Structure formats: C-alpha cells, structure tokens
C-alpha atoms as a PDB file:
ATOM      1  CA  MET A   1       0.503  11.726 -29.640  1.00  0.00           C
ATOM      2  CA  ASN A   2       3.018   9.446 -31.320  1.00  0.00           C
ATOM      3  CA  GLN A   3       3.914  10.600 -34.785  1.00  0.00           C
ATOM      4  CA  PRO A   4       3.756   7.999 -37.580  1.00  0.00           C
ATOM      5  CA  PHE A   5       6.962   6.979 -39.212  1.00  0.00           C
ATOM      6  CA  PRO A   6       7.517   8.406 -42.674  1.00  0.00           C
ATOM      7  CA  VAL A   7       7.410   6.038 -45.586  1.00  0.00           C
ATOM      8  CA  ARG A   8      10.890   5.625 -47.025  1.00  0.00           C
ATOM      9  CA  GLY A   9      11.378   5.204 -50.711  1.00  0.00           C
ATOM     10  CA  PRO A  10      13.988   2.816 -52.112  1.00  0.00           C
ATOM     11  CA  GLU A  11      16.380   5.730 -52.659  1.00  0.00           C
ATOM     12  CA  ALA A  12      16.471   6.676 -48.968  1.00  0.00           C
ATOM     13  CA  PRO A  13      19.566   5.617 -47.024  1.00  0.00           C
ATOM     14  CA  ALA A  14      19.103   2.900 -44.428  1.00  0.00           C
ATOM     15  CA  PRO A  15      18.382   4.198 -40.915  1.00  0.00           C
ATOM     16  CA  MET A  16      21.243   2.143 -39.479  1.00  0.00           C
ATOM     17  CA  PHE A  17      23.568   4.614 -41.195  1.00  0.00           C
ATOM     18  CA  ASN A  18      21.567   7.654 -40.077  1.00  0.00           C
ATOM     19  CA  VAL A  19      21.504   9.032 -36.577  1.00  0.00           C
ATOM     20  CA  PRO A  20      18.114  10.479 -35.552  1.00  0.00           C
ATOM     21  CA  THR A  21      18.014  14.253 -35.264  1.00  0.00           C
ATOM     22  CA  VAL A  22      17.282  14.261 -31.534  1.00  0.00           C
ATOM     23  CA  ILE A  23      20.375  12.105 -30.908  1.00  0.00           C
ATOM     24  CA  LEU A  24      22.505  14.454 -32.993  1.00  0.00           C
ATOM     25  CA  ALA A  25      21.113  17.420 -31.075  1.00  0.00           C
ATOM     26  CA  LEU A  26      21.920  15.866 -27.696  1.00  0.00           C
ATOM     27  CA  ALA A  27      25.406  14.941 -28.902  1.00  0.00           C
ATOM     28  CA  ALA A  28      26.009  18.476 -30.198  1.00  0.00           C
ATOM     29  CA  ILE A  29      24.917  19.976 -26.866  1.00  0.00           C
ATOM     30  CA  MET A  30      27.175  17.681 -24.848  1.00  0.00           C
ATOM     31  CA  ILE A  31      30.148  18.224 -27.142  1.00  0.00           C
ATOM     32  CA  GLY A  32      29.559  21.973 -27.176  1.00  0.00           C
ATOM     33  CA  ILE A  33      29.397  22.135 -23.380  1.00  0.00           C
ATOM     34  CA  GLU A  34      32.590  20.129 -22.984  1.00  0.00           C
ATOM     35  CA  ALA A  35      34.372  22.262 -25.585  1.00  0.00           C
ATOM     36  CA  GLY A  36      33.246  25.439 -23.852  1.00  0.00           C
ATOM     37  CA  ARG A  37      34.443  24.181 -20.486  1.00  0.00           C
ATOM     38  CA  GLN A  38      37.790  23.077 -21.864  1.00  0.00           C
ATOM     39  CA  TRP A  39      38.600  26.027 -24.097  1.00  0.00           C
ATOM     40  CA  LEU A  40      36.549  29.045 -23.026  1.00  0.00           C
ATOM     41  CA  LEU A  41      36.114  28.970 -19.256  1.00  0.00           C
ATOM     42  CA  SER A  42      38.716  29.644 -16.624  1.00  0.00           C
ATOM     43  CA  ALA A  43      39.161  27.141 -13.815  1.00  0.00           C
ATOM     44  CA  ASP A  44      37.125  29.331 -11.468  1.00  0.00           C
ATOM     45  CA  GLN A  45      34.352  29.793 -14.034  1.00  0.00           C
ATOM     46  CA  ASP A  46      34.245  26.056 -14.677  1.00  0.00           C
ATOM     47  CA  PHE A  47      33.967  25.344 -10.953  1.00  0.00           C
ATOM     48  CA  ASP A  48      31.113  27.837 -10.671  1.00  0.00           C
ATOM     49  CA  LEU A  49      29.399  26.001 -13.535  1.00  0.00           C
ATOM     50  CA  LEU A  50      29.775  22.699 -11.698  1.00  0.00           C
ATOM     51  CA  LEU A  51      28.445  24.217  -8.489  1.00  0.00           C
ATOM     52  CA  ALA A  52      25.278  25.321 -10.282  1.00  0.00           C
ATOM     53  CA  PHE A  53      24.604  22.440 -12.664  1.00  0.00           C
ATOM     54  CA  ALA A  54      26.365  19.259 -11.476  1.00  0.00           C
ATOM     55  CA  PHE A  55      24.506  16.928  -9.125  1.00  0.00           C
ATOM     56  CA  TRP A  56      25.901  17.366  -5.612  1.00  0.00           C
ATOM     57  CA  PRO A  57      24.370  15.003  -3.006  1.00  0.00           C
ATOM     58  CA  LEU A  58      25.736  17.378  -0.389  1.00  0.00           C
ATOM     59  CA  ARG A  59      23.334  20.057  -1.647  1.00  0.00           C
ATOM     60  CA  TYR A  60      20.454  18.240   0.085  1.00  0.00           C
ATOM     61  CA  ALA A  61      22.246  17.394   3.339  1.00  0.00           C
ATOM     62  CA  GLY A  62      21.113  20.446   5.305  1.00  0.00           C
ATOM     63  CA  THR A  63      24.581  20.999   6.778  1.00  0.00           C
ATOM     64  CA  PRO A  64      26.538  24.262   7.029  1.00  0.00           C
ATOM     65  CA  LEU A  65      28.781  23.085   4.207  1.00  0.00           C
ATOM     66  CA  ALA A  66      25.732  22.348   2.044  1.00  0.00           C
ATOM     67  CA  ALA A  67      24.626  25.947   2.509  1.00  0.00           C
ATOM     68  CA  GLU A  68      27.686  27.036   0.529  1.00  0.00           C
ATOM     69  CA  LEU A  69      26.268  25.428  -2.622  1.00  0.00           C
ATOM     70  CA  PRO A  70      23.776  27.223  -4.881  1.00  0.00           C
ATOM     71  CA  HIS A  71      20.161  26.369  -4.064  1.00  0.00           C
ATOM     72  CA  GLY A  72      16.822  27.519  -5.404  1.00  0.00           C
ATOM     73  CA  GLY A  73      16.435  26.316  -8.984  1.00  0.00           C
ATOM     74  CA  ALA A  74      19.664  24.312  -8.736  1.00  0.00           C
ATOM     75  CA  ASP A  75      17.959  22.029  -6.214  1.00  0.00           C
ATOM     76  CA  VAL A  76      15.649  20.942  -9.043  1.00  0.00           C
ATOM     77  CA  TRP A  77      17.420  21.315 -12.378  1.00  0.00           C
ATOM     78  CA  SER A  78      20.640  19.619 -11.258  1.00  0.00           C
ATOM     79  CA  PHE A  79      18.741  16.281 -11.271  1.00  0.00           C
ATOM     80  CA  VAL A  80      18.861  16.673 -15.077  1.00  0.00           C
ATOM     81  CA  THR A  81      21.616  19.135 -15.979  1.00  0.00           C
ATOM     82  CA  TYR A  82      24.366  16.923 -14.551  1.00  0.00           C
ATOM     83  CA  ALA A  83      23.758  14.596 -17.502  1.00  0.00           C
ATOM     84  CA  PHE A  84      25.100  17.226 -19.915  1.00  0.00           C
ATOM     85  CA  LEU A  85      28.384  17.729 -18.052  1.00  0.00           C
ATOM     86  CA  HIS A  86      31.268  15.294 -18.273  1.00  0.00           C
ATOM     87  CA  GLY A  87      34.648  14.557 -16.759  1.00  0.00           C
ATOM     88  CA  GLY A  88      36.648  14.910 -19.962  1.00  0.00           C
ATOM     89  CA  TRP A  89      36.552  13.977 -23.623  1.00  0.00           C
ATOM     90  CA  GLU A  90      36.911  10.251 -22.963  1.00  0.00           C
ATOM     91  CA  HIS A  91      33.816  10.400 -20.773  1.00  0.00           C
ATOM     92  CA  VAL A  92      31.883  12.291 -23.455  1.00  0.00           C
ATOM     93  CA  ILE A  93      32.892   9.917 -26.250  1.00  0.00           C
ATOM     94  CA  PHE A  94      32.036   6.796 -24.232  1.00  0.00           C
ATOM     95  CA  ASN A  95      28.571   8.092 -23.368  1.00  0.00           C
ATOM     96  CA  LEU A  96      27.870   9.307 -26.891  1.00  0.00           C
ATOM     97  CA  ALA A  97      28.808   5.905 -28.316  1.00  0.00           C
ATOM     98  CA  TRP A  98      26.188   4.248 -26.094  1.00  0.00           C
ATOM     99  CA  LEU A  99      23.717   7.050 -26.760  1.00  0.00           C
ATOM    100  CA  VAL A 100      23.969   6.457 -30.513  1.00  0.00           C
ATOM    101  CA  ALA A 101      23.906   2.672 -30.194  1.00  0.00           C
ATOM    102  CA  PHE A 102      20.835   2.354 -27.962  1.00  0.00           C
ATOM    103  CA  GLY A 103      19.239   5.780 -27.965  1.00  0.00           C
ATOM    104  CA  SER A 104      18.801   5.719 -31.740  1.00  0.00           C
ATOM    105  CA  ALA A 105      16.473   2.724 -31.530  1.00  0.00           C
ATOM    106  CA  LEU A 106      14.289   4.508 -28.986  1.00  0.00           C
ATOM    107  CA  ALA A 107      14.347   7.735 -30.986  1.00  0.00           C
ATOM    108  CA  ARG A 108      12.924   5.851 -33.977  1.00  0.00           C
ATOM    109  CA  ARG A 109      10.143   4.419 -31.818  1.00  0.00           C
ATOM    110  CA  PHE A 110       9.217   7.561 -29.856  1.00  0.00           C
ATOM    111  CA  ASP A 111       8.329  11.046 -30.988  1.00  0.00           C
ATOM    112  CA  THR A 112      10.896  13.676 -30.024  1.00  0.00           C
ATOM    113  CA  PHE A 113       9.075  14.975 -26.943  1.00  0.00           C
ATOM    114  CA  SER A 114       8.490  11.464 -25.548  1.00  0.00           C
ATOM    115  CA  PHE A 115      12.108  10.494 -26.166  1.00  0.00           C
ATOM    116  CA  LEU A 116      13.398  13.551 -24.305  1.00  0.00           C
ATOM    117  CA  ALA A 117      10.938  12.927 -21.468  1.00  0.00           C
ATOM    118  CA  PHE A 118      12.247   9.357 -21.193  1.00  0.00           C
ATOM    119  CA  PHE A 119      15.862  10.609 -21.221  1.00  0.00           C
ATOM    120  CA  VAL A 120      15.039  13.085 -18.426  1.00  0.00           C
ATOM    121  CA  ALA A 121      13.200  10.452 -16.368  1.00  0.00           C
ATOM    122  CA  CYS A 122      16.214   8.124 -16.500  1.00  0.00           C
ATOM    123  CA  ALA A 123      18.604  10.939 -15.563  1.00  0.00           C
ATOM    124  CA  VAL A 124      16.399  11.835 -12.587  1.00  0.00           C
ATOM    125  CA  GLY A 125      16.119   8.186 -11.533  1.00  0.00           C
ATOM    126  CA  GLY A 126      19.881   7.791 -11.605  1.00  0.00           C
ATOM    127  CA  ALA A 127      20.481  10.907  -9.526  1.00  0.00           C
ATOM    128  CA  ALA A 128      17.757   9.939  -7.062  1.00  0.00           C
ATOM    129  CA  LEU A 129      19.250   6.511  -6.328  1.00  0.00           C
ATOM    130  CA  HIS A 130      22.728   7.992  -5.971  1.00  0.00           C
ATOM    131  CA  LEU A 131      21.370  10.567  -3.543  1.00  0.00           C
ATOM    132  CA  ALA A 132      19.594   7.883  -1.526  1.00  0.00           C
ATOM    133  CA  LEU A 133      22.847   5.945  -1.102  1.00  0.00           C
ATOM    134  CA  HIS A 134      25.219   8.905  -0.744  1.00  0.00           C
ATOM    135  CA  ALA A 135      23.226  11.606   0.997  1.00  0.00           C
ATOM    136  CA  ASP A 136      26.229  13.580   2.229  1.00  0.00           C
ATOM    137  CA  ASP A 137      28.760  12.846  -0.532  1.00  0.00           C
ATOM    138  CA  LEU A 138      31.100  15.772  -1.189  1.00  0.00           C
ATOM    139  CA  ARG A 139      31.779  14.727  -4.781  1.00  0.00           C
ATOM    140  CA  PRO A 140      29.629  15.934  -7.682  1.00  0.00           C
ATOM    141  CA  VAL A 141      28.037  13.548 -10.166  1.00  0.00           C
ATOM    142  CA  VAL A 142      28.360  14.395 -13.860  1.00  0.00           C
ATOM    143  CA  GLY A 143      27.736  12.527 -17.096  1.00  0.00           C
ATOM    144  CA  ALA A 144      24.958  11.060 -19.211  1.00  0.00           C
ATOM    145  CA  SER A 145      25.697   7.494 -18.119  1.00  0.00           C
ATOM    146  CA  ALA A 146      22.584   7.132 -15.961  1.00  0.00           C
ATOM    147  CA  ALA A 147      20.312   8.442 -18.713  1.00  0.00           C
ATOM    148  CA  VAL A 148      22.057   6.280 -21.319  1.00  0.00           C
ATOM    149  CA  SER A 149      21.710   3.239 -19.033  1.00  0.00           C
ATOM    150  CA  GLY A 150      17.978   3.909 -18.959  1.00  0.00           C
ATOM    151  CA  LEU A 151      17.864   4.221 -22.741  1.00  0.00           C
ATOM    152  CA  THR A 152      19.692   0.899 -22.950  1.00  0.00           C
ATOM    153  CA  ALA A 153      17.102  -0.740 -20.698  1.00  0.00           C
ATOM    154  CA  GLY A 154      14.274   0.655 -22.806  1.00  0.00           C
ATOM    155  CA  ALA A 155      15.869  -0.474 -26.064  1.00  0.00           C
ATOM    156  CA  LEU A 156      16.402  -3.992 -24.717  1.00  0.00           C
ATOM    157  CA  MET A 157      12.652  -4.301 -24.273  1.00  0.00           C
ATOM    158  CA  PHE A 158      12.087  -4.463 -28.022  1.00  0.00           C
ATOM    159  CA  ILE A 159      15.254  -4.596 -30.145  1.00  0.00           C
ATOM    160  CA  PHE A 160      15.599  -8.387 -29.706  1.00  0.00           C
ATOM    161  CA  GLN A 161      11.874  -9.009 -30.066  1.00  0.00           C
ATOM    162  CA  ARG A 162      10.944 -11.139 -33.075  1.00  0.00           C
ATOM    163  CA  GLY A 163      10.919  -8.803 -36.054  1.00  0.00           C
ATOM    164  CA  GLY A 164      12.839  -6.132 -34.147  1.00  0.00           C
ATOM    165  CA  PRO A 165      16.038  -4.533 -35.483  1.00  0.00           C
ATOM    166  CA  LEU A 166      18.216  -7.163 -33.778  1.00  0.00           C
ATOM    167  CA  GLY A 167      15.587  -9.895 -33.713  1.00  0.00           C
ATOM    168  CA  GLY A 168      15.460 -10.829 -37.362  1.00  0.00           C
ATOM    169  CA  GLY A 169      13.939  -7.612 -38.719  1.00  0.00           C
ATOM    170  CA  HIS A 170      15.567  -5.196 -41.114  1.00  0.00           C
ATOM    171  CA  ARG A 171      17.168  -2.133 -39.555  1.00  0.00           C
ATOM    172  CA  SER A 172      16.197  -0.171 -42.646  1.00  0.00           C
ATOM    173  CA  ASP A 173      12.518  -0.963 -42.030  1.00  0.00           C
ATOM    174  CA  PRO A 174      10.719   1.478 -39.689  1.00  0.00           C
ATOM    175  CA  ALA A 175       8.371  -1.364 -38.718  1.00  0.00           C
ATOM    176  CA  ALA A 176      11.302  -3.102 -36.995  1.00  0.00           C
ATOM    177  CA  TYR A 177      11.254  -0.335 -34.371  1.00  0.00           C
ATOM    178  CA  ARG A 178       7.536  -0.680 -33.750  1.00  0.00           C
ATOM    179  CA  VAL A 179       7.325  -4.329 -32.728  1.00  0.00           C
ATOM    180  CA  PRO A 180       5.507  -5.035 -29.445  1.00  0.00           C
ATOM    181  CA  ARG A 181       7.707  -4.699 -26.387  1.00  0.00           C
ATOM    182  CA  MET A 182       8.683  -7.692 -24.289  1.00  0.00           C
ATOM    183  CA  THR A 183       7.335  -8.192 -20.806  1.00  0.00           C
ATOM    184  CA  LEU A 184       9.823  -8.427 -17.954  1.00  0.00           C
ATOM    185  CA  ALA A 185       9.327 -12.200 -17.965  1.00  0.00           C
ATOM    186  CA  GLU A 186      10.136 -12.344 -21.676  1.00  0.00           C
ATOM    187  CA  LEU A 187      13.212 -10.199 -21.100  1.00  0.00           C
ATOM    188  CA  ALA A 188      14.451 -12.619 -18.453  1.00  0.00           C
ATOM    189  CA  ALA A 189      13.875 -15.556 -20.810  1.00  0.00           C
ATOM    190  CA  ASN A 190      15.638 -13.992 -23.803  1.00  0.00           C
ATOM    191  CA  ARG A 191      19.215 -15.243 -24.106  1.00  0.00           C
ATOM    192  CA  GLN A 192      20.476 -12.196 -26.006  1.00  0.00           C
ATOM    193  CA  VAL A 193      19.001  -9.805 -23.457  1.00  0.00           C
ATOM    194  CA  ARG A 194      20.515 -11.828 -20.616  1.00  0.00           C
ATOM    195  CA  LEU A 195      23.914 -11.607 -22.309  1.00  0.00           C
ATOM    196  CA  TYR A 196      23.702  -7.830 -22.693  1.00  0.00           C
ATOM    197  CA  PHE A 197      22.522  -7.464 -19.118  1.00  0.00           C
ATOM    198  CA  ALA A 198      25.371  -9.660 -17.855  1.00  0.00           C
ATOM    199  CA  VAL A 199      27.950  -7.527 -19.682  1.00  0.00           C
ATOM    200  CA  TRP A 200      26.337  -4.339 -18.349  1.00  0.00           C
ATOM    201  CA  PHE A 201      26.243  -5.731 -14.821  1.00  0.00           C
ATOM    202  CA  ILE A 202      29.880  -6.878 -14.941  1.00  0.00           C
ATOM    203  CA  LEU A 203      31.043  -3.491 -16.209  1.00  0.00           C
ATOM    204  CA  ASN A 204      29.208  -1.694 -13.429  1.00  0.00           C
ATOM    205  CA  THR A 205      30.562  -4.111 -10.830  1.00  0.00           C
ATOM    206  CA  VAL A 206      34.078  -3.399 -12.047  1.00  0.00           C
ATOM    207  CA  PHE A 207      33.378   0.344 -11.931  1.00  0.00           C
ATOM    208  CA  GLY A 208      31.981   0.041  -8.427  1.00  0.00           C
ATOM    209  CA  LEU A 209      34.896  -1.974  -7.035  1.00  0.00           C
ATOM    210  CA  TRP A 210      37.788  -0.341  -8.862  1.00  0.00           C
ATOM    211  CA  GLY A 211      36.351   2.950 -10.090  1.00  0.00           C
ATOM    212  CA  ASP A 212      38.820   5.105  -8.184  1.00  0.00           C
ATOM    213  CA  ALA A 213      41.773   3.209  -9.639  1.00  0.00           C
ATOM    214  CA  LEU A 214      40.362   3.384 -13.183  1.00  0.00           C
ATOM    215  CA  THR A 215      39.706   7.120 -12.999  1.00  0.00           C
ATOM    216  CA  GLY A 216      42.708   8.200 -10.977  1.00  0.00           C
ATOM    217  CA  GLY A 217      40.573   8.886  -7.902  1.00  0.00           C
ATOM    218  CA  GLY A 218      37.703  10.585  -9.702  1.00  0.00           C
ATOM    219  CA  GLY A 219      35.290   7.783  -8.968  1.00  0.00           C
ATOM    220  CA  ILE A 220      32.424   6.411 -11.040  1.00  0.00           C
ATOM    221  CA  ALA A 221      28.854   6.867  -9.837  1.00  0.00           C
ATOM    222  CA  TRP A 222      27.811   3.318 -10.668  1.00  0.00           C
ATOM    223  CA  GLU A 223      24.768   3.611  -8.410  1.00  0.00           C
ATOM    224  CA  ALA A 224      23.424   6.309 -10.723  1.00  0.00           C
ATOM    225  CA  HIS A 225      23.880   3.902 -13.636  1.00  0.00           C
ATOM    226  CA  VAL A 226      21.792   1.320 -11.801  1.00  0.00           C
ATOM    227  CA  GLY A 227      19.154   3.914 -10.955  1.00  0.00           C
ATOM    228  CA  GLY A 228      18.919   4.984 -14.578  1.00  0.00           C
ATOM    229  CA  PHE A 229      18.703   1.394 -15.810  1.00  0.00           C
ATOM    230  CA  VAL A 230      15.955   0.430 -13.353  1.00  0.00           C
ATOM    231  CA  THR A 231      14.073   3.624 -14.196  1.00  0.00           C
ATOM    232  CA  GLY A 232      14.275   2.713 -17.876  1.00  0.00           C
ATOM    233  CA  LEU A 233      12.856  -0.745 -17.228  1.00  0.00           C
ATOM    234  CA  LEU A 234       9.972   0.634 -15.180  1.00  0.00           C
ATOM    235  CA  ALA A 235       9.240   3.736 -17.266  1.00  0.00           C
ATOM    236  CA  PHE A 236       9.337   2.173 -20.714  1.00  0.00           C
ATOM    237  CA  PRO A 237       6.061   0.206 -20.375  1.00  0.00           C
ATOM    238  CA  LEU A 238       4.366   3.402 -19.156  1.00  0.00           C
ATOM    239  CA  MET A 239       5.773   5.690 -21.860  1.00  0.00           C
ATOM    240  CA  ASP A 240       5.924   3.274 -24.779  1.00  0.00           C
ATOM    241  CA  PRO A 241       3.717   4.673 -27.585  1.00  0.00           C
ATOM    242  CA  LEU A 242       2.836   1.099 -28.537  1.00  0.00           C
ATOM    243  CA  ARG A 243       1.374  -0.080 -25.236  1.00  0.00           C
ATOM    244  CA  ARG A 244      -0.117  -3.532 -25.593  1.00  0.00           C
ATOM    245  CA  ARG A 245      -0.019  -5.145 -22.200  1.00  0.00           C
ATOM    246  CA  GLY A 246       0.971  -4.523 -18.614  1.00  0.00           C
END
C-alpha cells in the first residue's frame, strides 16, 4: 500500500535540496561496491566478481564457452546485479547524477518497496533487450544506466504535468509529486517531454554509433538503455500508486 506523504512544517528544508533515503542507499551501495573493487580486490578477485554478478549474454548461449561462466543463481540474479557494478568512477558518477535527478521524483511518489521494484523491473528490461539483440556477446554489461533510463521514463510521465514539480508546482510541496500521470498521448504532445526525449535519444544514438571510440573500446550497451526506458514507460502506469486511467 502506498504510504502517505508526511506533512512538512514551514521549518522543514525543501525536498529539492534533500535526496530521498532510498536514493542515498542505492548511491552508497554503488559507491561502496566500486570502492571495494578498486581498492580491496585483486584483479583476479575482481574478474571473479564480474563473472558471477555482471550480465553476460554469453551465459545463455548454450555453447562450450558459455559453460565456463557461473550458472545456477547467477542465471537469474545477474539480470539485476549488473546494475550495481560499473566501469569506473566516471561511470558511477554519471549514473548517480541521473539517479538523483530523476529517481528522486519517483522516490517521492512511490513507497520504498514499490520504488525498488520499479528499479529492478527497468534493470531486468534493459538486460532482456540487450540479450535479445546480442545473444552470444562475449562482453559483460555493467552499470545502472538501463535502470536509470527507466526511472527517467517514469518521471517524465508526471514531472511536467500541470502542478507537477517541473510543471508549475512547487518542488517543496509533496502534492507536486502526486499529480495524475500523463497518458502516452499526452507525453507525445508535451513539448518539454519531447525535448527531453530528443536529447536522450540523441545521446543514445551517439553512444551506439561511436561508443567504442568514446570508451576506448569498452563499448556502451545502448540497447540496454532503450530496454530500460521502454520498460519504464510500460511499467509506470501499472505500478503507479496513483492509477487513474489506462
């Protein structure tokens, strides 16, 4: 059940300057994992960690090489755990910036359990689309980008709505995060949403065409970003605690 927002007195700081606890917790976990990998694990230990928890499309290929990867629980949990691993501090910082920017709005609308379920659904959706398009890829997928793309899609469904935090409402007012969501038709008609989507699409096109050059050959799993974004668009109407229309 969705938990009601607490009533804030005039002395309380504005939410726009506060990061919700669940966002801070996710950020702390991701930072802690990256710090541990960088400073505590040997190269062999770090590779073993990636084998067990990164998302490897090859794991599901059924080839002799795929048999060398860990299976069992890893076949399931890696659809989610890859989102907590990153390719360096720049990757972590970029994803956390988007997590705070768009995830915070969703965290103020959802209860903690629902927010985490939405985050997981978007991570799974991103991995699933990447797997569908790269069934025998030897490279692992890591990073929260797919999940964050889904959070962005969910946030776009209400933040520009009239009275929403970016639609004329006050970011310090909890009611701004509880406005009715837009339909897909309303999203397509909203100029601000179209602008954000265009920027997101252009960035992912650039990543897709020149990802290897931008990352020194590491590649960017832009398909996972798309999968997460589409999952966010489809899942938000189903998981929104303020359902009002189909």
